C-alpha atoms as a PDB file:
ATOM      1  CA  UNK A   1       0.000   0.000   0.000  1.00  0.00           C
ATOM      2  CA  UNK A   2       2.753   2.460   0.911  1.00  0.00           C
ATOM      3  CA  UNK A   3       5.486   0.725  -1.046  1.00  0.00           C
ATOM      4  CA  UNK A   4       7.488  -0.242   2.029  1.00  0.00           C
ATOM      5  CA  UNK A   5       9.406  -3.500   1.872  1.00  0.00           C
ATOM      6  CA  UNK A   6       9.299  -6.073   4.636  1.00  0.00           C
ATOM      7  CA  UNK A   7      13.015  -5.513   5.142  1.00  0.00           C
ATOM      8  CA  UNK A   8      12.429  -1.790   5.750  1.00  0.00           C
ATOM      9  CA  UNK A   9       9.651  -2.572   8.221  1.00  0.00           C
ATOM     10  CA  UNK A  10      11.875  -4.958  10.171  1.00  0.00           C
ATOM     11  CA  UNK A  11      14.732  -2.449  10.217  1.00  0.00           C
ATOM     12  CA  UNK A  12      12.515   0.402  11.407  1.00  0.00           C
ATOM     13  CA  UNK A  13      10.963  -1.918  13.981  1.00  0.00           C
ATOM     14  CA  UNK A  14      14.381  -2.874  15.372  1.00  0.00           C
ATOM     15  CA  UNK A  15      15.211   0.813  15.714  1.00  0.00           C
ATOM     16  CA  UNK A  16      11.947   1.378  17.566  1.00  0.00           C
ATOM     17  CA  UNK A  17      10.591   3.746  14.927  1.00  0.00           C
ATOM     18  CA  UNK A  18       7.452   1.677  14.326  1.00  0.00           C
ATOM     19  CA  UNK A  19       5.532  -1.136  15.965  1.00  0.00           C
ATOM     20  CA  UNK A  20       7.169  -4.525  15.525  1.00  0.00           C
ATOM     21  CA  UNK A  21       3.820  -6.296  15.141  1.00  0.00           C
ATOM     22  CA  UNK A  22       3.583  -6.082  11.344  1.00  0.00           C
ATOM     23  CA  UNK A  23       0.467  -8.279  11.358  1.00  0.00           C
ATOM     24  CA  UNK A  24      -1.682  -5.492  12.767  1.00  0.00           C
ATOM     25  CA  UNK A  25      -0.730  -1.902  12.071  1.00  0.00           C
ATOM     26  CA  UNK A  26      -2.889   0.749  13.692  1.00  0.00           C
ATOM     27  CA  UNK A  27      -3.848   4.080  12.169  1.00  0.00           C
ATOM     28  CA  UNK A  28      -1.053   5.698  14.208  1.00  0.00           C
ATOM     29  CA  UNK A  29       1.445   3.165  12.833  1.00  0.00           C
ATOM     30  CA  UNK A  30       0.419   4.073   9.282  1.00  0.00           C
ATOM     31  CA  UNK A  31       0.908   7.766  10.063  1.00  0.00           C
ATOM     32  CA  UNK A  32       4.365   6.974  11.451  1.00  0.00           C
ATOM     33  CA  UNK A  33       5.180   4.987   8.296  1.00  0.00           C
ATOM     34  CA  UNK A  34       4.052   7.870   6.128  1.00  0.00           C
ATOM     35  CA  UNK A  35       6.234  10.263   8.136  1.00  0.00           C
ATOM     36  CA  UNK A  36       9.214   7.916   7.848  1.00  0.00           C
ATOM     37  CA  UNK A  37       8.733   7.684   4.099  1.00  0.00           C
ATOM     38  CA  UNK A  38       8.660  11.480   3.786  1.00  0.00           C
ATOM     39  CA  UNK A  39      11.828  11.779   5.857  1.00  0.00           C
ATOM     40  CA  UNK A  40      13.531   9.100   3.754  1.00  0.00           C
ATOM     41  CA  UNK A  41      12.493  10.936   0.553  1.00  0.00           C
ATOM     42  CA  UNK A  42      14.532  13.832   1.931  1.00  0.00           C
ATOM     43  CA  UNK A  43      17.510  11.461   2.333  1.00  0.00           C
ATOM     44  CA  UNK A  44      17.363  11.439   6.124  1.00  0.00           C
ATOM     45  CA  UNK A  45      18.680   8.094   7.339  1.00  0.00           C
ATOM     46  CA  UNK A  46      16.864   5.964   9.930  1.00  0.00           C
ATOM     47  CA  UNK A  47      19.939   6.317  12.151  1.00  0.00           C
ATOM     48  CA  UNK A  48      19.586  10.122  12.136  1.00  0.00           C
ATOM     49  CA  UNK A  49      15.844   9.859  12.787  1.00  0.00           C
ATOM     50  CA  UNK A  50      16.459   7.519  15.747  1.00  0.00           C
ATOM     51  CA  UNK A  51      19.134   9.784  17.178  1.00  0.00           C
ATOM     52  CA  UNK A  52      16.915  12.846  16.824  1.00  0.00           C
ATOM     53  CA  UNK A  53      14.040  11.120  18.609  1.00  0.00           C
ATOM     54  CA  UNK A  54      16.374   9.851  21.346  1.00  0.00           C
ATOM     55  CA  UNK A  55      17.799  13.321  21.919  1.00  0.00           C
ATOM     56  CA  UNK A  56      14.293  14.782  22.132  1.00  0.00           C
ATOM     57  CA  UNK A  57      12.909  12.201  24.587  1.00  0.00           C
ATOM     58  CA  UNK A  58      12.947  14.595  27.546  1.00  0.00           C
ATOM     59  CA  UNK A  59      11.197  17.262  25.481  1.00  0.00           C
ATOM     60  CA  UNK A  60       8.710  14.725  24.136  1.00  0.00           C
ATOM     61  CA  UNK A  61       7.636  13.510  27.570  1.00  0.00           C
ATOM     62  CA  UNK A  62       4.030  12.425  27.338  1.00  0.00           C
ATOM     63  CA  UNK A  63       4.171  11.923  23.578  1.00  0.00           C
ATOM     64  CA  UNK A  64       3.615   8.234  22.936  1.00  0.00           C
ATOM     65  CA  UNK A  65       3.975   8.221  19.162  1.00  0.00           C
ATOM     66  CA  UNK A  66       6.249  11.059  18.082  1.00  0.00           C
ATOM     67  CA  UNK A  67       6.366  10.095  14.395  1.00  0.00           C
ATOM     68  CA  UNK A  68       2.597   9.864  14.042  1.00  0.00           C
ATOM     69  CA  UNK A  69       2.077  13.082  15.993  1.00  0.00           C
ATOM     70  CA  UNK A  70       4.753  14.969  14.064  1.00  0.00           C
END
């Protein structure tokens, strides 16, 4: 549907960017996937995305799904 390979999903799941339960994605998971795809279109690597989210954790306190709420 979004053109994301299974390999990409597993990689993003290992990094904690998306839910690892690929059998049942929620609406929020799809929003996160869409955000990840837009970031990747801008040549931003998953490593950079993970680091940015990690460095913002204290500022994102209370935000459960930062990529879907972006």
